[in-house]
Amino acid sequence: MQDRYSGDVGDFGKFGLLRHLLNDTKYSLGINWYLYPNEQHNEDGKFIRYLSNPQYKRCDKELHQKLNTVVANTRCVKALEKAQLFNCETKYFSNIIDFYPEYPGQTKENKDKRLLLRKEWQNKAISTLSACNVLFLDPDNGLEIDSCKSLNQKKSGKFAYFDEINKFHEGKAFTVIYHHLNRHRKHGTHSEQIQNRAHELKYKISFVHAVYCLRYTPYSPRAFFILSSAKANSKTIEKLDNFKGGFWRHYWDNYYECK
């Protein structure tokens, strides 16, 4: 997540999904933004035309109005936190996750310090969100990739790593994870990517009864993986079925289950 994305069409989708999953439940929500410094090399974050489209508004009028207010003022995660987007107890972890500017270069000392800072960041996040029984992890790019395998690499702050997810997910009813789908043909179709990633999560993350995934399609397709515990599983399926059958169905597809 970057501050400049706040309130864009991607936010509308992910908060809409979370609001639906948490509606009429007694869960408490923890959001780890995986907050990455703003980058200005692309047009990402400028997709806000949905705010003038009544078709989107039908999906969740209240959320649409609240995000419209965020976009009209200062766009940042702090504004999202103050917008009271959820009707449940919610905690946030918004510490910056990029440690490369402080310790640049490839010396052993710099690599070790970046790794240490990442682990300190991880421990603070776990502590801050420990009381929450549902988590949302919002890494800028999504799940770890082969070209950025180490926590101390330059762009590692853009990814959530399986070892980290294991620690975050322990003891939770369910965890939702953002992942940006790859456009390159060599990675396979979106459907193939979703299935492969779902199976990775199922077998690499402990305490997972099932993994569910949906693709959110507007502008730049994104995947959202839901790691469900056995206790929460039947309710999770019910919520997802209702979500797919409502107005949101126009913007979500490629539902996949890995049990």
C-alpha atoms as a PDB file:
ATOM      1  CA  MET A   1       0.000   0.000   0.000  1.00  0.00           C
ATOM      2  CA  GLN A   2       1.084   3.571  -0.722  1.00  0.00           C
ATOM      3  CA  ASP A   3      -0.583   6.729   0.575  1.00  0.00           C
ATOM      4  CA  ARG A   4      -1.289   7.908  -2.976  1.00  0.00           C
ATOM      5  CA  TYR A   5      -3.587   4.925  -3.613  1.00  0.00           C
ATOM      6  CA  SER A   6      -5.946   5.848  -0.794  1.00  0.00           C
ATOM      7  CA  GLY A   7      -9.544   5.871  -1.948  1.00  0.00           C
ATOM      8  CA  ASP A   8      -8.912   4.565  -5.467  1.00  0.00           C
ATOM      9  CA  VAL A   9     -10.985   1.858  -7.144  1.00  0.00           C
ATOM     10  CA  GLY A  10      -8.754  -0.839  -5.642  1.00  0.00           C
ATOM     11  CA  ASP A  11      -9.561   0.421  -2.157  1.00  0.00           C
ATOM     12  CA  PHE A  12     -13.258   0.383  -2.955  1.00  0.00           C
ATOM     13  CA  GLY A  13     -13.050  -3.295  -3.857  1.00  0.00           C
ATOM     14  CA  LYS A  14     -10.930  -4.487  -0.955  1.00  0.00           C
ATOM     15  CA  PHE A  15     -12.856  -2.564   1.685  1.00  0.00           C
ATOM     16  CA  GLY A  16     -16.124  -3.702   0.133  1.00  0.00           C
ATOM     17  CA  LEU A  17     -15.028  -7.325   0.456  1.00  0.00           C
ATOM     18  CA  LEU A  18     -13.856  -6.859   4.044  1.00  0.00           C
ATOM     19  CA  ARG A  19     -17.036  -5.052   5.055  1.00  0.00           C
ATOM     20  CA  HIS A  20     -19.116  -7.882   3.647  1.00  0.00           C
ATOM     21  CA  LEU A  21     -17.061 -10.608   5.338  1.00  0.00           C
ATOM     22  CA  LEU A  22     -17.305  -8.815   8.687  1.00  0.00           C
ATOM     23  CA  ASN A  23     -20.941  -7.757   8.496  1.00  0.00           C
ATOM     24  CA  ASP A  24     -23.091  -9.175  11.327  1.00  0.00           C
ATOM     25  CA  THR A  25     -20.107 -10.820  13.006  1.00  0.00           C
ATOM     26  CA  LYS A  26     -18.319 -10.264  16.294  1.00  0.00           C
ATOM     27  CA  TYR A  27     -14.867 -10.298  14.746  1.00  0.00           C
ATOM     28  CA  SER A  28     -12.277  -7.606  15.390  1.00  0.00           C
ATOM     29  CA  LEU A  29     -10.225  -6.539  12.368  1.00  0.00           C
ATOM     30  CA  GLY A  30      -6.512  -5.816  12.157  1.00  0.00           C
ATOM     31  CA  ILE A  31      -5.120  -4.113   9.052  1.00  0.00           C
ATOM     32  CA  ASN A  32      -1.422  -4.198   8.262  1.00  0.00           C
ATOM     33  CA  TRP A  33      -0.939  -1.698   5.451  1.00  0.00           C
ATOM     34  CA  TYR A  34       2.585  -2.846   4.549  1.00  0.00           C
ATOM     35  CA  LEU A  35       2.976   0.898   3.985  1.00  0.00           C
ATOM     36  CA  TYR A  36       5.505   1.688   1.253  1.00  0.00           C
ATOM     37  CA  PRO A  37       6.722   5.217   0.389  1.00  0.00           C
ATOM     38  CA  ASN A  38       4.935   6.934  -2.491  1.00  0.00           C
ATOM     39  CA  GLU A  39       6.388   6.316  -5.951  1.00  0.00           C
ATOM     40  CA  GLN A  40       5.667   8.639  -8.868  1.00  0.00           C
ATOM     41  CA  HIS A  41       6.832   6.612 -11.883  1.00  0.00           C
ATOM     42  CA  ASN A  42       3.371   5.481 -13.023  1.00  0.00           C
ATOM     43  CA  GLU A  43      -0.303   6.429 -13.067  1.00  0.00           C
ATOM     44  CA  ASP A  44      -1.320   4.029 -10.278  1.00  0.00           C
ATOM     45  CA  GLY A  45      -3.628   5.523  -7.704  1.00  0.00           C
ATOM     46  CA  LYS A  46      -5.385   7.835 -10.165  1.00  0.00           C
ATOM     47  CA  PHE A  47      -8.281   5.472 -10.825  1.00  0.00           C
ATOM     48  CA  ILE A  48     -10.998   7.413  -9.012  1.00  0.00           C
ATOM     49  CA  ARG A  49     -13.586   7.803 -11.782  1.00  0.00           C
ATOM     50  CA  TYR A  50     -15.641   5.108 -10.072  1.00  0.00           C
ATOM     51  CA  LEU A  51     -16.700   7.805  -7.574  1.00  0.00           C
ATOM     52  CA  SER A  52     -18.869   9.422 -10.275  1.00  0.00           C
ATOM     53  CA  ASN A  53     -20.275   6.097 -11.482  1.00  0.00           C
ATOM     54  CA  PRO A  54     -23.658   5.157  -9.924  1.00  0.00           C
ATOM     55  CA  GLN A  55     -23.096   1.489 -10.822  1.00  0.00           C
ATOM     56  CA  TYR A  56     -20.279   1.274  -8.275  1.00  0.00           C
ATOM     57  CA  LYS A  57     -22.291   3.200  -5.716  1.00  0.00           C
ATOM     58  CA  ARG A  58     -24.988   0.499  -5.788  1.00  0.00           C
ATOM     59  CA  CYS A  59     -22.484  -2.001  -4.407  1.00  0.00           C
ATOM     60  CA  ASP A  60     -21.962  -0.158  -1.119  1.00  0.00           C
ATOM     61  CA  LYS A  61     -23.363   3.366  -0.875  1.00  0.00           C
ATOM     62  CA  GLU A  62     -21.891   4.122   2.554  1.00  0.00           C
ATOM     63  CA  LEU A  63     -18.380   3.009   1.580  1.00  0.00           C
ATOM     64  CA  HIS A  64     -18.623   4.940  -1.693  1.00  0.00           C
ATOM     65  CA  GLN A  65     -19.477   8.150   0.196  1.00  0.00           C
ATOM     66  CA  LYS A  66     -16.715   7.708   2.750  1.00  0.00           C
ATOM     67  CA  LEU A  67     -14.040   7.098   0.130  1.00  0.00           C
ATOM     68  CA  ASN A  68     -15.313  10.080  -1.847  1.00  0.00           C
ATOM     69  CA  THR A  69     -14.597  12.218   1.227  1.00  0.00           C
ATOM     70  CA  VAL A  70     -11.075  10.768   1.551  1.00  0.00           C
ATOM     71  CA  VAL A  71     -10.279  11.468  -2.124  1.00  0.00           C
ATOM     72  CA  ALA A  72     -11.654  14.999  -1.894  1.00  0.00           C
ATOM     73  CA  ASN A  73      -9.247  15.812   0.934  1.00  0.00           C
ATOM     74  CA  THR A  74      -5.805  14.456   1.893  1.00  0.00           C
ATOM     75  CA  ARG A  75      -5.284  10.994   0.427  1.00  0.00           C
ATOM     76  CA  CYS A  76      -3.366   8.854   2.907  1.00  0.00           C
ATOM     77  CA  VAL A  77      -3.871   5.760   5.050  1.00  0.00           C
ATOM     78  CA  LYS A  78      -4.378   7.924   8.125  1.00  0.00           C
ATOM     79  CA  ALA A  79      -7.423   9.452   6.406  1.00  0.00           C
ATOM     80  CA  LEU A  80      -8.716   5.940   5.698  1.00  0.00           C
ATOM     81  CA  GLU A  81      -8.231   5.006   9.343  1.00  0.00           C
ATOM     82  CA  LYS A  82     -10.202   8.051  10.482  1.00  0.00           C
ATOM     83  CA  ALA A  83     -13.026   7.416   8.000  1.00  0.00           C
ATOM     84  CA  GLN A  84     -14.548   4.643  10.163  1.00  0.00           C
ATOM     85  CA  LEU A  85     -14.914   2.266   7.247  1.00  0.00           C
ATOM     86  CA  PHE A  86     -15.858  -0.749   9.381  1.00  0.00           C
ATOM     87  CA  ASN A  87     -18.596  -1.425  11.906  1.00  0.00           C
ATOM     88  CA  CYS A  88     -16.352  -3.532  14.082  1.00  0.00           C
ATOM     89  CA  GLU A  89     -13.414  -2.916  16.370  1.00  0.00           C
ATOM     90  CA  THR A  90     -10.477  -2.151  14.061  1.00  0.00           C
ATOM     91  CA  LYS A  91      -6.767  -1.685  14.667  1.00  0.00           C
ATOM     92  CA  TYR A  92      -4.170  -0.541  12.169  1.00  0.00           C
ATOM     93  CA  PHE A  93      -0.446  -0.959  11.722  1.00  0.00           C
ATOM     94  CA  SER A  94       0.943   1.753   9.470  1.00  0.00           C
ATOM     95  CA  ASN A  95       4.713   1.726  10.056  1.00  0.00           C
ATOM     96  CA  ILE A  96       6.734   2.242   6.872  1.00  0.00           C
ATOM     97  CA  ILE A  97       8.252  -1.001   5.596  1.00  0.00           C
ATOM     98  CA  ASP A  98      11.002   0.319   3.263  1.00  0.00           C
ATOM     99  CA  PHE A  99      14.442   0.227   4.956  1.00  0.00           C
ATOM    100  CA  TYR A 100      16.609   0.560   1.864  1.00  0.00           C
ATOM    101  CA  PRO A 101      16.948   4.388   1.952  1.00  0.00           C
ATOM    102  CA  GLU A 102      18.374   4.190   5.462  1.00  0.00           C
ATOM    103  CA  TYR A 103      20.841   1.409   4.661  1.00  0.00           C
ATOM    104  CA  PRO A 104      21.437   1.394   0.877  1.00  0.00           C
ATOM    105  CA  GLY A 105      23.990  -0.726  -0.921  1.00  0.00           C
ATOM    106  CA  GLN A 106      24.922  -4.383  -0.850  1.00  0.00           C
ATOM    107  CA  THR A 107      27.492  -4.579   1.939  1.00  0.00           C
ATOM    108  CA  LYS A 108      26.943  -7.301   4.519  1.00  0.00           C
ATOM    109  CA  GLU A 109      26.435  -4.648   7.193  1.00  0.00           C
ATOM    110  CA  ASN A 110      23.657  -2.924   5.232  1.00  0.00           C
ATOM    111  CA  LYS A 111      21.950  -6.204   4.363  1.00  0.00           C
ATOM    112  CA  ASP A 112      22.056  -7.330   7.995  1.00  0.00           C
ATOM    113  CA  LYS A 113      20.628  -4.022   9.224  1.00  0.00           C
ATOM    114  CA  ARG A 114      17.806  -4.108   6.680  1.00  0.00           C
ATOM    115  CA  LEU A 115      16.971  -7.646   7.739  1.00  0.00           C
ATOM    116  CA  LEU A 116      17.006  -6.670  11.408  1.00  0.00           C
ATOM    117  CA  LEU A 117      14.697  -3.714  10.779  1.00  0.00           C
ATOM    118  CA  ARG A 118      12.291  -5.870   8.788  1.00  0.00           C
ATOM    119  CA  LYS A 119      12.086  -8.368  11.635  1.00  0.00           C
ATOM    120  CA  GLU A 120      11.551  -5.565  14.152  1.00  0.00           C
ATOM    121  CA  TRP A 121       8.774  -4.209  11.922  1.00  0.00           C
ATOM    122  CA  GLN A 122       7.257  -7.689  11.790  1.00  0.00           C
ATOM    123  CA  ASN A 123       7.320  -8.107  15.581  1.00  0.00           C
ATOM    124  CA  LYS A 124       5.728  -4.695  16.132  1.00  0.00           C
ATOM    125  CA  ALA A 125       2.973  -5.531  13.657  1.00  0.00           C
ATOM    126  CA  ILE A 126       2.248  -8.861  15.355  1.00  0.00           C
ATOM    127  CA  SER A 127       2.136  -7.188  18.767  1.00  0.00           C
ATOM    128  CA  THR A 128      -0.084  -4.308  17.593  1.00  0.00           C
ATOM    129  CA  LEU A 129      -2.624  -6.602  15.927  1.00  0.00           C
ATOM    130  CA  SER A 130      -2.429  -9.527  18.356  1.00  0.00           C
ATOM    131  CA  ALA A 131      -5.917  -8.985  19.823  1.00  0.00           C
ATOM    132  CA  CYS A 132      -7.618  -9.042  16.411  1.00  0.00           C
ATOM    133  CA  ASN A 133      -9.105 -12.310  15.209  1.00  0.00           C
ATOM    134  CA  VAL A 134      -9.274 -11.275  11.531  1.00  0.00           C
ATOM    135  CA  LEU A 135      -6.368  -9.772   9.584  1.00  0.00           C
ATOM    136  CA  PHE A 136      -6.000  -7.960   6.285  1.00  0.00           C
ATOM    137  CA  LEU A 137      -2.483  -7.823   4.819  1.00  0.00           C
ATOM    138  CA  ASP A 138      -2.071  -5.190   2.113  1.00  0.00           C
ATOM    139  CA  PRO A 139       1.417  -5.491   0.548  1.00  0.00           C
ATOM    140  CA  ASP A 140       2.043  -3.138  -2.378  1.00  0.00           C
ATOM    141  CA  ASN A 141       2.597  -5.971  -4.882  1.00  0.00           C
ATOM    142  CA  GLY A 142       1.332  -8.998  -3.003  1.00  0.00           C
ATOM    143  CA  LEU A 143       2.875 -12.369  -2.213  1.00  0.00           C
ATOM    144  CA  GLU A 144       6.618 -12.963  -2.450  1.00  0.00           C
ATOM    145  CA  ILE A 145       8.121 -13.706  -5.866  1.00  0.00           C
ATOM    146  CA  ASP A 146      11.212 -15.637  -6.995  1.00  0.00           C
ATOM    147  CA  SER A 147      13.118 -12.510  -8.047  1.00  0.00           C
ATOM    148  CA  CYS A 148      12.786 -10.981  -4.571  1.00  0.00           C
ATOM    149  CA  LYS A 149      13.260 -13.909  -2.204  1.00  0.00           C
ATOM    150  CA  SER A 150      15.098 -12.157   0.613  1.00  0.00           C
ATOM    151  CA  LEU A 151      13.629  -9.825   3.218  1.00  0.00           C
ATOM    152  CA  ASN A 152      16.593  -7.461   2.802  1.00  0.00           C
ATOM    153  CA  GLN A 153      16.365  -6.921  -0.962  1.00  0.00           C
ATOM    154  CA  LYS A 154      15.667  -3.450  -2.310  1.00  0.00           C
ATOM    155  CA  LYS A 155      12.007  -4.035  -3.197  1.00  0.00           C
ATOM    156  CA  SER A 156      11.207  -6.554  -0.452  1.00  0.00           C
ATOM    157  CA  GLY A 157       8.937  -4.025   1.260  1.00  0.00           C
ATOM    158  CA  LYS A 158       6.461  -4.506  -1.575  1.00  0.00           C
ATOM    159  CA  PHE A 159       5.820  -8.153  -0.709  1.00  0.00           C
ATOM    160  CA  ALA A 160       4.366 -10.325   2.044  1.00  0.00           C
ATOM    161  CA  TYR A 161       6.558 -13.384   2.685  1.00  0.00           C
ATOM    162  CA  PHE A 162       5.250 -16.807   3.603  1.00  0.00           C
ATOM    163  CA  ASP A 163       7.241 -16.948   6.851  1.00  0.00           C
ATOM    164  CA  GLU A 164       5.698 -13.612   7.866  1.00  0.00           C
ATOM    165  CA  ILE A 165       2.190 -14.670   6.902  1.00  0.00           C
ATOM    166  CA  ASN A 166       2.612 -17.796   9.042  1.00  0.00           C
ATOM    167  CA  LYS A 167       3.268 -15.654  12.094  1.00  0.00           C
ATOM    168  CA  PHE A 168       0.516 -13.148  11.331  1.00  0.00           C
ATOM    169  CA  HIS A 169      -2.133 -15.783  10.651  1.00  0.00           C
ATOM    170  CA  GLU A 170      -1.565 -17.916  13.742  1.00  0.00           C
ATOM    171  CA  GLY A 171      -4.654 -17.919  15.954  1.00  0.00           C
ATOM    172  CA  LYS A 172      -6.813 -15.924  13.521  1.00  0.00           C
ATOM    173  CA  ALA A 173     -10.281 -16.866  12.290  1.00  0.00           C
ATOM    174  CA  PHE A 174      -9.268 -15.819   8.816  1.00  0.00           C
ATOM    175  CA  THR A 175      -6.699 -13.664   7.044  1.00  0.00           C
ATOM    176  CA  VAL A 176      -7.234 -11.775   3.781  1.00  0.00           C
ATOM    177  CA  ILE A 177      -4.219 -10.998   1.571  1.00  0.00           C
ATOM    178  CA  TYR A 178      -3.969  -8.637  -1.393  1.00  0.00           C
ATOM    179  CA  HIS A 179      -2.028  -9.810  -4.452  1.00  0.00           C
ATOM    180  CA  HIS A 180      -1.475  -8.027  -7.750  1.00  0.00           C
ATOM    181  CA  LEU A 181      -1.777 -10.418 -10.677  1.00  0.00           C
ATOM    182  CA  ASN A 182       1.073 -10.572 -13.167  1.00  0.00           C
ATOM    183  CA  ARG A 183       0.465  -9.432 -16.744  1.00  0.00           C
ATOM    184  CA  HIS A 184       3.381 -11.347 -18.277  1.00  0.00           C
ATOM    185  CA  ARG A 185       2.422 -14.373 -20.349  1.00  0.00           C
ATOM    186  CA  LYS A 186       5.172 -16.549 -18.863  1.00  0.00           C
ATOM    187  CA  HIS A 187       3.380 -16.527 -15.500  1.00  0.00           C
ATOM    188  CA  GLY A 188       0.240 -18.041 -16.997  1.00  0.00           C
ATOM    189  CA  THR A 189      -3.317 -16.802 -17.113  1.00  0.00           C
ATOM    190  CA  HIS A 190      -4.830 -15.067 -14.118  1.00  0.00           C
ATOM    191  CA  SER A 191      -6.783 -18.222 -13.375  1.00  0.00           C
ATOM    192  CA  GLU A 192      -3.573 -20.272 -13.368  1.00  0.00           C
ATOM    193  CA  GLN A 193      -1.794 -17.743 -11.170  1.00  0.00           C
ATOM    194  CA  ILE A 194      -4.677 -17.766  -8.695  1.00  0.00           C
ATOM    195  CA  GLN A 195      -4.727 -21.549  -8.472  1.00  0.00           C
ATOM    196  CA  ASN A 196      -0.943 -21.807  -8.082  1.00  0.00           C
ATOM    197  CA  ARG A 197      -0.808 -19.156  -5.383  1.00  0.00           C
ATOM    198  CA  ALA A 198      -3.776 -20.623  -3.514  1.00  0.00           C
ATOM    199  CA  HIS A 199      -2.042 -24.005  -3.353  1.00  0.00           C
ATOM    200  CA  GLU A 200       1.193 -22.374  -2.175  1.00  0.00           C
ATOM    201  CA  LEU A 201      -0.662 -20.691   0.665  1.00  0.00           C
ATOM    202  CA  LYS A 202      -2.551 -23.859   1.572  1.00  0.00           C
ATOM    203  CA  TYR A 203       0.627 -25.882   2.008  1.00  0.00           C
ATOM    204  CA  LYS A 204       3.082 -23.247   3.221  1.00  0.00           C
ATOM    205  CA  ILE A 205       0.949 -21.504   5.846  1.00  0.00           C
ATOM    206  CA  SER A 206       0.079 -23.312   9.074  1.00  0.00           C
ATOM    207  CA  PHE A 207      -3.386 -23.442  10.641  1.00  0.00           C
ATOM    208  CA  VAL A 208      -5.155 -23.059   7.276  1.00  0.00           C
ATOM    209  CA  HIS A 209      -8.243 -25.179   6.719  1.00  0.00           C
ATOM    210  CA  ALA A 210      -9.006 -23.754   3.259  1.00  0.00           C
ATOM    211  CA  VAL A 211      -7.931 -20.966   0.910  1.00  0.00           C
ATOM    212  CA  TYR A 212     -10.440 -18.989  -1.153  1.00  0.00           C
ATOM    213  CA  CYS A 213      -9.677 -16.450  -3.827  1.00  0.00           C
ATOM    214  CA  LEU A 214     -11.549 -13.874  -5.875  1.00  0.00           C
ATOM    215  CA  ARG A 215     -10.321 -11.624  -8.674  1.00  0.00           C
ATOM    216  CA  TYR A 216     -11.298  -7.960  -8.626  1.00  0.00           C
ATOM    217  CA  THR A 217     -11.312  -6.772 -12.241  1.00  0.00           C
ATOM    218  CA  PRO A 218     -11.625  -2.959 -12.607  1.00  0.00           C
ATOM    219  CA  TYR A 219      -8.680  -1.316 -14.411  1.00  0.00           C
ATOM    220  CA  SER A 220      -5.897  -3.591 -13.133  1.00  0.00           C
ATOM    221  CA  PRO A 221      -6.968  -7.064 -11.947  1.00  0.00           C
ATOM    222  CA  ARG A 222      -6.117  -7.975  -8.365  1.00  0.00           C
ATOM    223  CA  ALA A 223      -6.552 -11.164  -6.388  1.00  0.00           C
ATOM    224  CA  PHE A 224      -7.646 -11.465  -2.770  1.00  0.00           C
ATOM    225  CA  PHE A 225      -6.823 -14.660  -0.907  1.00  0.00           C
ATOM    226  CA  ILE A 226      -8.794 -15.638   2.188  1.00  0.00           C
ATOM    227  CA  LEU A 227      -7.066 -18.067   4.555  1.00  0.00           C
ATOM    228  CA  SER A 228      -9.800 -19.630   6.647  1.00  0.00           C
ATOM    229  CA  SER A 229      -9.549 -21.589   9.869  1.00  0.00           C
ATOM    230  CA  ALA A 230     -11.740 -24.662  10.330  1.00  0.00           C
ATOM    231  CA  LYS A 231     -13.878 -22.851  12.910  1.00  0.00           C
ATOM    232  CA  ALA A 232     -14.676 -19.926  10.608  1.00  0.00           C
ATOM    233  CA  ASN A 233     -14.930 -21.900   7.388  1.00  0.00           C
ATOM    234  CA  SER A 234     -18.683 -22.426   6.994  1.00  0.00           C
ATOM    235  CA  LYS A 235     -19.416 -18.758   7.751  1.00  0.00           C
ATOM    236  CA  THR A 236     -16.694 -17.644   5.335  1.00  0.00           C
ATOM    237  CA  ILE A 237     -18.210 -19.704   2.510  1.00  0.00           C
ATOM    238  CA  GLU A 238     -21.682 -18.317   3.262  1.00  0.00           C
ATOM    239  CA  LYS A 239     -20.394 -14.738   3.216  1.00  0.00           C
ATOM    240  CA  LEU A 240     -18.497 -15.243  -0.059  1.00  0.00           C
ATOM    241  CA  ASP A 241     -21.528 -16.820  -1.722  1.00  0.00           C
ATOM    242  CA  ASN A 242     -23.675 -13.836  -0.759  1.00  0.00           C
ATOM    243  CA  PHE A 243     -20.975 -11.405  -1.883  1.00  0.00           C
ATOM    244  CA  LYS A 244     -20.710 -12.999  -5.330  1.00  0.00           C
ATOM    245  CA  GLY A 245     -24.478 -12.898  -5.762  1.00  0.00           C
ATOM    246  CA  GLY A 246     -25.010  -9.197  -5.051  1.00  0.00           C
ATOM    247  CA  PHE A 247     -24.234  -6.029  -6.998  1.00  0.00           C
ATOM    248  CA  TRP A 248     -20.519  -6.723  -6.519  1.00  0.00           C
ATOM    249  CA  ARG A 249     -20.742  -9.606  -9.017  1.00  0.00           C
ATOM    250  CA  HIS A 250     -20.154  -7.129 -11.861  1.00  0.00           C
ATOM    251  CA  TYR A 251     -16.606  -6.489 -10.624  1.00  0.00           C
ATOM    252  CA  TRP A 252     -15.464  -9.824  -9.177  1.00  0.00           C
ATOM    253  CA  ASP A 253     -14.833 -13.192 -10.829  1.00  0.00           C
ATOM    254  CA  ASN A 254     -12.457 -16.163 -11.011  1.00  0.00           C
ATOM    255  CA  TYR A 255     -13.573 -17.527  -7.664  1.00  0.00           C
ATOM    256  CA  TYR A 256     -11.396 -20.448  -6.570  1.00  0.00           C
ATOM    257  CA  GLU A 257     -11.425 -22.831  -3.606  1.00  0.00           C
ATOM    258  CA  CYS A 258      -8.431 -24.790  -2.317  1.00  0.00           C
ATOM    259  CA  LYS A 259      -9.473 -27.178   0.461  1.00  0.00           C
END
